[in-house]
Amino acid sequence: MVLLGSGKTSATARANVNDLAARLGTDLRVNADQVRDSTTPVGADAAVFETTALDTSFPLFTPYTPDESDYAVSIPTISEDGETLNDEYVDVRNDGSSSLDLTRWTLEDEAGYSYQFPDGFVLGAGVIE
C-alpha cells in the first residue's frame, strides 16, 4: 500500500492520512514541515529534496516482508442458526507458527454485523478461539 500526502494540503486532510497510517501500524506521518537541502538541490531548486545524508536509524527504505505464517488465519466452524445469540458463533484458528495479535481485526457477517477483537487479543499458534 502506498500512502501519499502533502504538507501543502489542509490540516484536516493531513490528519485523515495520518489517522489511516496509524491504523495501518506505520510510524510515518505527513506534516507541514519543509525539507531543504542547499548542498544538493534538484535542478537548482532547494525546495526539492535530494540528499544522501539520510539517517539510517529508521528503516524507511527497507522492504517489508511479512512472515506468511503469521497471517495464516482460518475459520473452521460457523454456527449461524442457533436458537439464541449465544448459540451463534465462529471459531477462528491461527494456522501459523507463531502467536498472532488480532487487536483491531474485525469479523463481519453477510448482514453487515461486525465484531472487533479487543485490544491485546493474541491468538497462539495452532489455537482455536
N, C-alpha and C. Protein backbone atom coordinates (compact mmCIF):
# COMPACT_ATOMS: atom_id res chain seq x y z
N MET A 1 0.85 -1.15 0.00
CA MET A 1 0.00 0.00 0.00
C MET A 1 0.90 1.23 0.00
N VAL A 2 0.51 2.23 -0.74
CA VAL A 2 1.25 3.48 -0.79
C VAL A 2 0.32 4.58 -0.33
N LEU A 3 0.77 5.35 0.66
CA LEU A 3 0.01 6.50 1.12
C LEU A 3 0.70 7.75 0.61
N LEU A 4 -0.04 8.64 0.02
CA LEU A 4 0.51 9.89 -0.47
C LEU A 4 -0.13 11.05 0.27
N GLY A 5 0.66 12.01 0.62
CA GLY A 5 0.16 13.19 1.28
C GLY A 5 1.05 14.36 0.96
N SER A 6 0.60 15.53 1.28
CA SER A 6 1.38 16.74 1.02
C SER A 6 1.23 17.69 2.20
N GLY A 7 2.33 18.32 2.55
CA GLY A 7 2.29 19.33 3.61
C GLY A 7 1.52 20.56 3.20
N LYS A 8 1.24 20.71 1.90
CA LYS A 8 0.51 21.88 1.41
C LYS A 8 -1.00 21.70 1.49
N THR A 9 -1.47 20.50 1.86
CA THR A 9 -2.91 20.29 2.00
C THR A 9 -3.37 20.85 3.33
N SER A 10 -4.65 20.81 3.54
CA SER A 10 -5.21 21.34 4.79
C SER A 10 -4.82 20.44 5.97
N ALA A 11 -4.89 21.01 7.15
CA ALA A 11 -4.59 20.24 8.36
C ALA A 11 -5.55 19.06 8.50
N THR A 12 -6.80 19.23 8.07
CA THR A 12 -7.79 18.15 8.14
C THR A 12 -7.40 17.01 7.21
N ALA A 13 -6.96 17.33 5.99
CA ALA A 13 -6.55 16.30 5.04
C ALA A 13 -5.33 15.55 5.55
N ARG A 14 -4.36 16.28 6.13
CA ARG A 14 -3.18 15.62 6.70
C ARG A 14 -3.58 14.72 7.87
N ALA A 15 -4.51 15.17 8.68
CA ALA A 15 -4.97 14.37 9.82
C ALA A 15 -5.64 13.08 9.34
N ASN A 16 -6.40 13.15 8.25
CA ASN A 16 -7.04 11.94 7.70
C ASN A 16 -5.98 10.93 7.25
N VAL A 17 -4.96 11.38 6.53
CA VAL A 17 -3.90 10.48 6.07
C VAL A 17 -3.15 9.92 7.28
N ASN A 18 -2.86 10.76 8.26
CA ASN A 18 -2.13 10.30 9.44
C ASN A 18 -2.94 9.30 10.25
N ASP A 19 -4.25 9.49 10.32
CA ASP A 19 -5.11 8.54 11.03
C ASP A 19 -5.08 7.19 10.32
N LEU A 20 -5.16 7.21 9.00
CA LEU A 20 -5.10 5.96 8.24
C LEU A 20 -3.75 5.28 8.43
N ALA A 21 -2.66 6.06 8.40
CA ALA A 21 -1.32 5.50 8.60
C ALA A 21 -1.21 4.86 9.98
N ALA A 22 -1.75 5.51 10.99
CA ALA A 22 -1.71 4.96 12.35
C ALA A 22 -2.48 3.64 12.43
N ARG A 23 -3.65 3.58 11.78
CA ARG A 23 -4.45 2.36 11.79
C ARG A 23 -3.76 1.22 11.05
N LEU A 24 -2.91 1.57 10.09
CA LEU A 24 -2.15 0.54 9.37
C LEU A 24 -0.90 0.11 10.13
N GLY A 25 -0.60 0.82 11.23
CA GLY A 25 0.52 0.43 12.08
C GLY A 25 1.86 0.99 11.67
N THR A 26 1.88 2.01 10.83
CA THR A 26 3.15 2.62 10.43
C THR A 26 3.45 3.83 11.31
N ASP A 27 4.72 4.14 11.49
CA ASP A 27 5.13 5.31 12.25
C ASP A 27 5.22 6.56 11.39
N LEU A 28 5.07 6.42 10.09
CA LEU A 28 5.21 7.56 9.19
C LEU A 28 4.00 8.48 9.30
N ARG A 29 4.24 9.79 9.21
CA ARG A 29 3.17 10.78 9.25
C ARG A 29 3.48 11.90 8.26
N VAL A 30 2.43 12.59 7.82
CA VAL A 30 2.57 13.76 6.94
C VAL A 30 2.42 14.99 7.82
N ASN A 31 3.32 15.96 7.64
CA ASN A 31 3.19 17.22 8.37
C ASN A 31 3.46 18.38 7.42
N ALA A 32 3.45 19.58 7.92
CA ALA A 32 3.64 20.76 7.08
C ALA A 32 5.09 21.23 7.07
N ASP A 33 6.01 20.45 7.63
CA ASP A 33 7.42 20.83 7.61
C ASP A 33 7.95 20.84 6.18
N GLN A 34 8.95 21.66 5.95
CA GLN A 34 9.60 21.70 4.64
C GLN A 34 11.03 21.21 4.79
N VAL A 35 11.46 20.39 3.84
CA VAL A 35 12.83 19.88 3.84
C VAL A 35 13.57 20.61 2.74
N ARG A 36 14.68 21.21 3.09
CA ARG A 36 15.50 21.91 2.11
C ARG A 36 16.93 21.40 2.21
N ASP A 37 17.55 21.24 1.09
CA ASP A 37 18.93 20.78 1.03
C ASP A 37 19.69 21.69 0.07
N SER A 38 20.35 22.67 0.61
CA SER A 38 21.03 23.65 -0.23
C SER A 38 22.31 23.10 -0.86
N THR A 39 22.80 21.95 -0.38
CA THR A 39 24.05 21.43 -0.93
C THR A 39 23.83 20.55 -2.16
N THR A 40 22.70 19.86 -2.27
CA THR A 40 22.45 19.01 -3.43
C THR A 40 21.01 19.15 -3.92
N PRO A 41 20.57 20.36 -4.28
CA PRO A 41 19.19 20.53 -4.74
C PRO A 41 18.99 19.93 -6.13
N VAL A 42 17.77 19.53 -6.40
CA VAL A 42 17.42 19.01 -7.71
C VAL A 42 17.12 20.19 -8.63
N GLY A 43 17.81 20.24 -9.76
CA GLY A 43 17.56 21.32 -10.72
C GLY A 43 17.73 22.69 -10.12
N ALA A 44 18.65 22.83 -9.19
CA ALA A 44 18.95 24.12 -8.53
C ALA A 44 17.78 24.66 -7.73
N ASP A 45 16.83 23.82 -7.37
CA ASP A 45 15.70 24.24 -6.56
C ASP A 45 15.85 23.63 -5.17
N ALA A 46 16.22 24.42 -4.18
CA ALA A 46 16.47 23.91 -2.83
C ALA A 46 15.22 23.38 -2.15
N ALA A 47 14.04 23.69 -2.71
CA ALA A 47 12.80 23.18 -2.12
C ALA A 47 12.55 21.73 -2.48
N VAL A 48 13.25 21.21 -3.50
CA VAL A 48 13.09 19.82 -3.89
C VAL A 48 14.14 19.00 -3.18
N PHE A 49 13.70 18.03 -2.40
CA PHE A 49 14.59 17.26 -1.54
C PHE A 49 15.38 16.23 -2.33
N GLU A 50 16.68 16.28 -2.21
CA GLU A 50 17.57 15.26 -2.74
C GLU A 50 18.81 15.25 -1.86
N THR A 51 19.10 14.13 -1.26
CA THR A 51 20.27 14.04 -0.42
C THR A 51 20.66 12.59 -0.21
N THR A 52 21.88 12.39 0.17
CA THR A 52 22.32 11.05 0.56
C THR A 52 22.59 11.02 2.05
N ALA A 53 22.26 12.09 2.74
CA ALA A 53 22.54 12.21 4.18
C ALA A 53 21.32 11.80 5.00
N LEU A 54 20.76 10.64 4.69
CA LEU A 54 19.60 10.15 5.43
C LEU A 54 20.05 9.37 6.66
N ASP A 55 19.34 9.55 7.73
CA ASP A 55 19.58 8.83 8.97
C ASP A 55 19.10 7.39 8.79
N THR A 56 19.94 6.42 9.08
CA THR A 56 19.57 5.01 8.88
C THR A 56 18.93 4.38 10.12
N SER A 57 18.64 5.18 11.15
CA SER A 57 18.06 4.61 12.37
C SER A 57 16.63 4.12 12.16
N PHE A 58 15.94 4.66 11.18
CA PHE A 58 14.57 4.22 10.88
C PHE A 58 14.61 3.52 9.53
N PRO A 59 14.11 2.29 9.43
CA PRO A 59 14.25 1.51 8.20
C PRO A 59 13.25 1.93 7.12
N LEU A 60 13.28 3.21 6.75
CA LEU A 60 12.34 3.75 5.78
C LEU A 60 12.45 3.07 4.42
N PHE A 61 13.67 2.74 4.02
CA PHE A 61 13.87 2.20 2.69
C PHE A 61 14.13 0.70 2.71
N THR A 62 13.79 0.05 3.80
CA THR A 62 13.92 -1.39 3.90
C THR A 62 12.59 -2.02 3.50
N PRO A 63 12.60 -2.99 2.60
CA PRO A 63 11.32 -3.60 2.21
C PRO A 63 10.68 -4.34 3.37
N TYR A 64 9.37 -4.29 3.42
CA TYR A 64 8.62 -5.01 4.45
C TYR A 64 8.19 -6.35 3.86
N THR A 65 8.62 -7.41 4.47
CA THR A 65 8.26 -8.74 4.02
C THR A 65 7.69 -9.50 5.22
N PRO A 66 6.36 -9.55 5.32
CA PRO A 66 5.78 -10.27 6.46
C PRO A 66 6.01 -11.76 6.34
N ASP A 67 6.11 -12.41 7.49
CA ASP A 67 6.20 -13.86 7.52
C ASP A 67 4.80 -14.39 7.22
N GLU A 68 4.64 -15.06 6.11
CA GLU A 68 3.31 -15.50 5.70
C GLU A 68 2.63 -16.36 6.77
N SER A 69 3.41 -17.10 7.55
CA SER A 69 2.80 -17.94 8.56
C SER A 69 2.14 -17.12 9.66
N ASP A 70 2.57 -15.86 9.83
CA ASP A 70 1.96 -15.01 10.84
C ASP A 70 0.53 -14.62 10.48
N TYR A 71 0.15 -14.77 9.22
CA TYR A 71 -1.17 -14.34 8.79
C TYR A 71 -2.02 -15.51 8.30
N ALA A 72 -1.69 -16.70 8.72
CA ALA A 72 -2.45 -17.88 8.32
C ALA A 72 -3.60 -18.06 9.30
N VAL A 73 -4.73 -17.45 9.00
CA VAL A 73 -5.91 -17.50 9.86
C VAL A 73 -7.03 -18.17 9.09
N SER A 74 -7.73 -19.07 9.75
CA SER A 74 -8.87 -19.72 9.11
C SER A 74 -10.06 -19.71 10.05
N ILE A 75 -11.23 -19.98 9.48
CA ILE A 75 -12.47 -20.08 10.26
C ILE A 75 -13.02 -21.47 10.00
N PRO A 76 -12.67 -22.44 10.88
CA PRO A 76 -13.07 -23.83 10.65
C PRO A 76 -14.54 -24.11 10.96
N THR A 77 -15.17 -23.29 11.81
CA THR A 77 -16.54 -23.57 12.22
C THR A 77 -17.36 -22.29 12.19
N ILE A 78 -18.53 -22.37 11.59
CA ILE A 78 -19.50 -21.27 11.63
C ILE A 78 -20.82 -21.87 12.09
N SER A 79 -21.31 -21.40 13.24
CA SER A 79 -22.61 -21.84 13.73
C SER A 79 -23.53 -20.63 13.67
N GLU A 80 -24.37 -20.60 12.64
CA GLU A 80 -25.16 -19.39 12.39
C GLU A 80 -26.65 -19.54 12.66
N ASP A 81 -27.10 -20.73 13.00
CA ASP A 81 -28.53 -20.95 13.15
C ASP A 81 -28.92 -21.37 14.56
N GLY A 82 -28.37 -20.69 15.56
CA GLY A 82 -28.70 -21.04 16.93
C GLY A 82 -30.05 -20.48 17.34
N GLU A 83 -30.60 -21.04 18.42
CA GLU A 83 -31.88 -20.55 18.93
C GLU A 83 -31.71 -19.20 19.61
N THR A 84 -30.52 -18.94 20.17
CA THR A 84 -30.23 -17.66 20.80
C THR A 84 -28.91 -17.14 20.22
N LEU A 85 -28.61 -15.89 20.50
CA LEU A 85 -27.35 -15.32 20.01
C LEU A 85 -26.14 -16.06 20.58
N ASN A 86 -26.28 -16.60 21.79
CA ASN A 86 -25.17 -17.35 22.39
C ASN A 86 -24.89 -18.66 21.64
N ASP A 87 -25.88 -19.14 20.88
CA ASP A 87 -25.70 -20.36 20.10
C ASP A 87 -25.04 -20.09 18.74
N GLU A 88 -24.93 -18.82 18.37
CA GLU A 88 -24.31 -18.45 17.09
C GLU A 88 -22.87 -18.04 17.35
N TYR A 89 -21.96 -18.65 16.61
CA TYR A 89 -20.54 -18.34 16.83
C TYR A 89 -19.71 -18.76 15.62
N VAL A 90 -18.48 -18.29 15.61
CA VAL A 90 -17.47 -18.77 14.66
C VAL A 90 -16.23 -19.13 15.45
N ASP A 91 -15.51 -20.11 14.97
CA ASP A 91 -14.20 -20.43 15.53
C ASP A 91 -13.15 -19.79 14.62
N VAL A 92 -12.17 -19.18 15.23
CA VAL A 92 -11.05 -18.59 14.49
C VAL A 92 -9.81 -19.36 14.89
N ARG A 93 -9.06 -19.83 13.88
CA ARG A 93 -7.87 -20.63 14.15
C ARG A 93 -6.64 -19.93 13.56
N ASN A 94 -5.58 -19.90 14.37
CA ASN A 94 -4.29 -19.41 13.90
C ASN A 94 -3.53 -20.61 13.37
N ASP A 95 -3.43 -20.72 12.05
CA ASP A 95 -2.73 -21.83 11.42
C ASP A 95 -1.24 -21.56 11.28
N GLY A 96 -0.79 -20.41 11.79
CA GLY A 96 0.62 -20.03 11.67
C GLY A 96 1.50 -20.70 12.70
N SER A 97 2.77 -20.37 12.63
CA SER A 97 3.77 -20.98 13.52
C SER A 97 4.12 -20.09 14.71
N SER A 98 3.49 -18.92 14.80
CA SER A 98 3.74 -18.04 15.94
C SER A 98 2.44 -17.36 16.34
N SER A 99 2.43 -16.80 17.56
CA SER A 99 1.24 -16.10 18.05
C SER A 99 0.91 -14.93 17.14
N LEU A 100 -0.36 -14.58 17.10
CA LEU A 100 -0.83 -13.52 16.23
C LEU A 100 -1.68 -12.55 17.03
N ASP A 101 -1.29 -11.27 17.00
CA ASP A 101 -2.05 -10.23 17.68
C ASP A 101 -3.22 -9.84 16.78
N LEU A 102 -4.43 -10.11 17.23
CA LEU A 102 -5.63 -9.80 16.45
C LEU A 102 -6.28 -8.49 16.87
N THR A 103 -5.57 -7.68 17.64
CA THR A 103 -6.09 -6.37 18.04
C THR A 103 -6.55 -5.61 16.81
N ARG A 104 -7.78 -5.11 16.85
CA ARG A 104 -8.42 -4.33 15.80
C ARG A 104 -8.79 -5.13 14.55
N TRP A 105 -8.59 -6.44 14.56
CA TRP A 105 -9.10 -7.25 13.46
C TRP A 105 -10.62 -7.29 13.60
N THR A 106 -11.32 -7.42 12.50
CA THR A 106 -12.78 -7.40 12.52
C THR A 106 -13.34 -8.58 11.74
N LEU A 107 -14.35 -9.20 12.29
CA LEU A 107 -15.15 -10.21 11.59
C LEU A 107 -16.48 -9.57 11.24
N GLU A 108 -16.97 -9.81 10.03
CA GLU A 108 -18.25 -9.26 9.61
C GLU A 108 -19.06 -10.34 8.93
N ASP A 109 -20.38 -10.36 9.23
CA ASP A 109 -21.23 -11.35 8.58
C ASP A 109 -21.91 -10.75 7.35
N GLU A 110 -22.67 -11.58 6.66
CA GLU A 110 -23.33 -11.15 5.43
C GLU A 110 -24.38 -10.08 5.67
N ALA A 111 -24.91 -10.00 6.89
CA ALA A 111 -25.91 -9.00 7.23
C ALA A 111 -25.28 -7.65 7.60
N GLY A 112 -23.94 -7.61 7.64
CA GLY A 112 -23.26 -6.36 7.96
C GLY A 112 -22.94 -6.17 9.43
N TYR A 113 -23.27 -7.16 10.27
CA TYR A 113 -22.92 -7.08 11.68
C TYR A 113 -21.43 -7.40 11.82
N SER A 114 -20.76 -6.66 12.70
CA SER A 114 -19.32 -6.91 12.83
C SER A 114 -18.92 -7.05 14.29
N TYR A 115 -17.81 -7.73 14.47
CA TYR A 115 -17.20 -7.93 15.78
C TYR A 115 -15.75 -7.55 15.66
N GLN A 116 -15.29 -6.65 16.52
CA GLN A 116 -13.88 -6.26 16.52
C GLN A 116 -13.20 -6.88 17.73
N PHE A 117 -12.07 -7.54 17.48
CA PHE A 117 -11.31 -8.14 18.57
C PHE A 117 -10.80 -7.03 19.49
N PRO A 118 -10.82 -7.26 20.80
CA PRO A 118 -10.40 -6.23 21.76
C PRO A 118 -8.88 -6.03 21.74
N ASP A 119 -8.44 -4.89 22.27
CA ASP A 119 -7.01 -4.61 22.40
C ASP A 119 -6.34 -5.71 23.18
N GLY A 120 -5.18 -6.15 22.71
CA GLY A 120 -4.41 -7.15 23.40
C GLY A 120 -4.83 -8.58 23.16
N PHE A 121 -5.76 -8.80 22.20
CA PHE A 121 -6.21 -10.16 21.93
C PHE A 121 -5.16 -10.88 21.07
N VAL A 122 -4.51 -11.88 21.66
CA VAL A 122 -3.46 -12.64 20.98
C VAL A 122 -3.91 -14.09 20.85
N LEU A 123 -3.81 -14.61 19.64
CA LEU A 123 -4.20 -15.98 19.36
C LEU A 123 -2.93 -16.79 19.13
N GLY A 124 -2.70 -17.76 19.97
CA GLY A 124 -1.49 -18.57 19.89
C GLY A 124 -1.44 -19.43 18.63
N ALA A 125 -0.25 -19.86 18.26
CA ALA A 125 -0.07 -20.71 17.09
C ALA A 125 -0.85 -22.01 17.27
N GLY A 126 -1.66 -22.36 16.26
CA GLY A 126 -2.42 -23.60 16.31
C GLY A 126 -3.65 -23.56 17.19
N VAL A 127 -3.95 -22.42 17.79
CA VAL A 127 -5.06 -22.30 18.75
C VAL A 127 -6.34 -21.93 18.02
N ILE A 128 -7.45 -22.47 18.51
CA ILE A 128 -8.79 -22.13 18.02
C ILE A 128 -9.51 -21.40 19.13
N GLU A 129 -10.10 -20.26 18.81
CA GLU A 129 -10.92 -19.49 19.78
C GLU A 129 -12.31 -19.33 19.21
